[in-house]
Amino acid sequence: MKEFVEFIARHLVDNPDSVHIEESVPNENTIELALKVGPDDVGKVIGKQGKTAQAMRTLLTAIAAKEGKRAILKILD
């Protein structure tokens, strides 16, 4: 899942080297991903009215559901 989010984020931003993802597991059924991009690229990852971020969360939820888990995506400033 981490690689999937990283793939999408790298293709959305102008500076793909600034994309960093931290993965944590608060419990056995939950995966939390924190996405950090450069300050100029935050808007590109979020999208107009948050639609791009919501689409990424929807896809991530579908992938996690296949594994019987819950996924949370946080976009950090």
C-alpha atoms as a PDB file:
ATOM      1  CA  MET A   1       0.000   0.000   0.000  1.00  0.00           C
ATOM      2  CA  LYS A   2       2.860   2.357   0.786  1.00  0.00           C
ATOM      3  CA  GLU A   3       4.311   1.830  -2.677  1.00  0.00           C
ATOM      4  CA  PHE A   4       0.929   2.463  -4.308  1.00  0.00           C
ATOM      5  CA  VAL A   5       0.449   5.839  -2.597  1.00  0.00           C
ATOM      6  CA  GLU A   6       4.050   6.780  -3.339  1.00  0.00           C
ATOM      7  CA  PHE A   7       3.570   5.918  -7.030  1.00  0.00           C
ATOM      8  CA  ILE A   8       0.476   8.124  -7.312  1.00  0.00           C
ATOM      9  CA  ALA A   9       2.014  11.019  -5.369  1.00  0.00           C
ATOM     10  CA  ARG A  10       5.245  10.995  -7.395  1.00  0.00           C
ATOM     11  CA  HIS A  11       3.254  11.328 -10.615  1.00  0.00           C
ATOM     12  CA  LEU A  12       1.170  14.220  -9.303  1.00  0.00           C
ATOM     13  CA  VAL A  13       3.926  16.516  -8.028  1.00  0.00           C
ATOM     14  CA  ASP A  14       6.573  18.596  -9.813  1.00  0.00           C
ATOM     15  CA  ASN A  15       9.380  17.422  -7.520  1.00  0.00           C
ATOM     16  CA  PRO A  16       9.025  13.633  -7.076  1.00  0.00           C
ATOM     17  CA  ASP A  17      12.142  13.446  -4.906  1.00  0.00           C
ATOM     18  CA  SER A  18      10.339  15.378  -2.162  1.00  0.00           C
ATOM     19  CA  VAL A  19       7.727  12.637  -1.667  1.00  0.00           C
ATOM     20  CA  HIS A  20       8.131  10.765   1.633  1.00  0.00           C
ATOM     21  CA  ILE A  21       5.724   8.308   3.210  1.00  0.00           C
ATOM     22  CA  GLU A  22       5.817   7.033   6.766  1.00  0.00           C
ATOM     23  CA  GLU A  23       3.859   3.914   7.622  1.00  0.00           C
ATOM     24  CA  SER A  24       2.667   3.045  11.096  1.00  0.00           C
ATOM     25  CA  VAL A  25       0.459   0.289  12.467  1.00  0.00           C
ATOM     26  CA  PRO A  26      -1.615   1.510  15.443  1.00  0.00           C
ATOM     27  CA  ASN A  27      -3.246  -1.924  15.731  1.00  0.00           C
ATOM     28  CA  GLU A  28      -3.319  -5.177  13.800  1.00  0.00           C
ATOM     29  CA  ASN A  29      -6.200  -4.154  11.510  1.00  0.00           C
ATOM     30  CA  THR A  30      -5.203  -0.552  10.779  1.00  0.00           C
ATOM     31  CA  ILE A  31      -2.447   0.910   8.630  1.00  0.00           C
ATOM     32  CA  GLU A  32      -1.732   4.624   8.841  1.00  0.00           C
ATOM     33  CA  LEU A  33       0.193   6.344   6.056  1.00  0.00           C
ATOM     34  CA  ALA A  34       1.552   9.890   6.430  1.00  0.00           C
ATOM     35  CA  LEU A  35       2.339  11.537   3.087  1.00  0.00           C
ATOM     36  CA  LYS A  36       4.758  14.455   3.052  1.00  0.00           C
ATOM     37  CA  VAL A  37       5.536  16.420  -0.116  1.00  0.00           C
ATOM     38  CA  GLY A  38       7.312  19.693  -0.849  1.00  0.00           C
ATOM     39  CA  PRO A  39       5.578  22.936   0.139  1.00  0.00           C
ATOM     40  CA  ASP A  40       4.872  23.854  -3.485  1.00  0.00           C
ATOM     41  CA  ASP A  41       3.260  20.467  -4.217  1.00  0.00           C
ATOM     42  CA  VAL A  42       0.785  20.162  -1.332  1.00  0.00           C
ATOM     43  CA  GLY A  43      -2.020  21.685  -3.396  1.00  0.00           C
ATOM     44  CA  LYS A  44      -1.424  19.253  -6.251  1.00  0.00           C
ATOM     45  CA  VAL A  45      -1.770  16.263  -3.943  1.00  0.00           C
ATOM     46  CA  ILE A  46      -4.901  17.640  -2.270  1.00  0.00           C
ATOM     47  CA  GLY A  47      -6.547  18.871  -5.485  1.00  0.00           C
ATOM     48  CA  LYS A  48      -9.469  21.218  -5.955  1.00  0.00           C
ATOM     49  CA  GLN A  49     -11.827  20.947  -2.992  1.00  0.00           C
ATOM     50  CA  GLY A  50      -9.829  17.907  -1.820  1.00  0.00           C
ATOM     51  CA  LYS A  51     -11.013  15.693  -4.654  1.00  0.00           C
ATOM     52  CA  THR A  52      -7.586  14.257  -5.499  1.00  0.00           C
ATOM     53  CA  ALA A  53      -6.885  13.412  -1.861  1.00  0.00           C
ATOM     54  CA  GLN A  54     -10.330  11.842  -1.519  1.00  0.00           C
ATOM     55  CA  ALA A  55      -9.752   9.729  -4.633  1.00  0.00           C
ATOM     56  CA  MET A  56      -6.425   8.508  -3.233  1.00  0.00           C
ATOM     57  CA  ARG A  57      -8.127   7.620   0.063  1.00  0.00           C
ATOM     58  CA  THR A  58     -10.887   5.741  -1.773  1.00  0.00           C
ATOM     59  CA  LEU A  59      -8.389   3.655  -3.745  1.00  0.00           C
ATOM     60  CA  LEU A  60      -6.334   3.007  -0.615  1.00  0.00           C
ATOM     61  CA  THR A  61      -9.459   1.883   1.249  1.00  0.00           C
ATOM     62  CA  ALA A  62     -10.281  -0.576  -1.528  1.00  0.00           C
ATOM     63  CA  ILE A  63      -6.787  -2.058  -1.480  1.00  0.00           C
ATOM     64  CA  ALA A  64      -6.811  -2.353   2.313  1.00  0.00           C
ATOM     65  CA  ALA A  65     -10.256  -3.993   2.290  1.00  0.00           C
ATOM     66  CA  LYS A  66      -8.908  -6.774   0.078  1.00  0.00           C
ATOM     67  CA  GLU A  67      -6.449  -7.564   2.871  1.00  0.00           C
ATOM     68  CA  GLY A  68      -9.100  -7.228   5.560  1.00  0.00           C
ATOM     69  CA  LYS A  69      -7.555  -4.062   6.965  1.00  0.00           C
ATOM     70  CA  ARG A  70      -8.411  -0.384   7.354  1.00  0.00           C
ATOM     71  CA  ALA A  71      -6.158   2.293   5.865  1.00  0.00           C
ATOM     72  CA  ILE A  72      -5.810   5.937   6.880  1.00  0.00           C
ATOM     73  CA  LEU A  73      -4.027   8.485   4.683  1.00  0.00           C
ATOM     74  CA  LYS A  74      -2.802  11.721   6.253  1.00  0.00           C
ATOM     75  CA  ILE A  75      -1.315  14.485   4.135  1.00  0.00           C
ATOM     76  CA  LEU A  76       1.174  16.513   6.140  1.00  0.00           C
ATOM     77  CA  ASP A  77       2.173  20.123   5.491  1.00  0.00           C
END
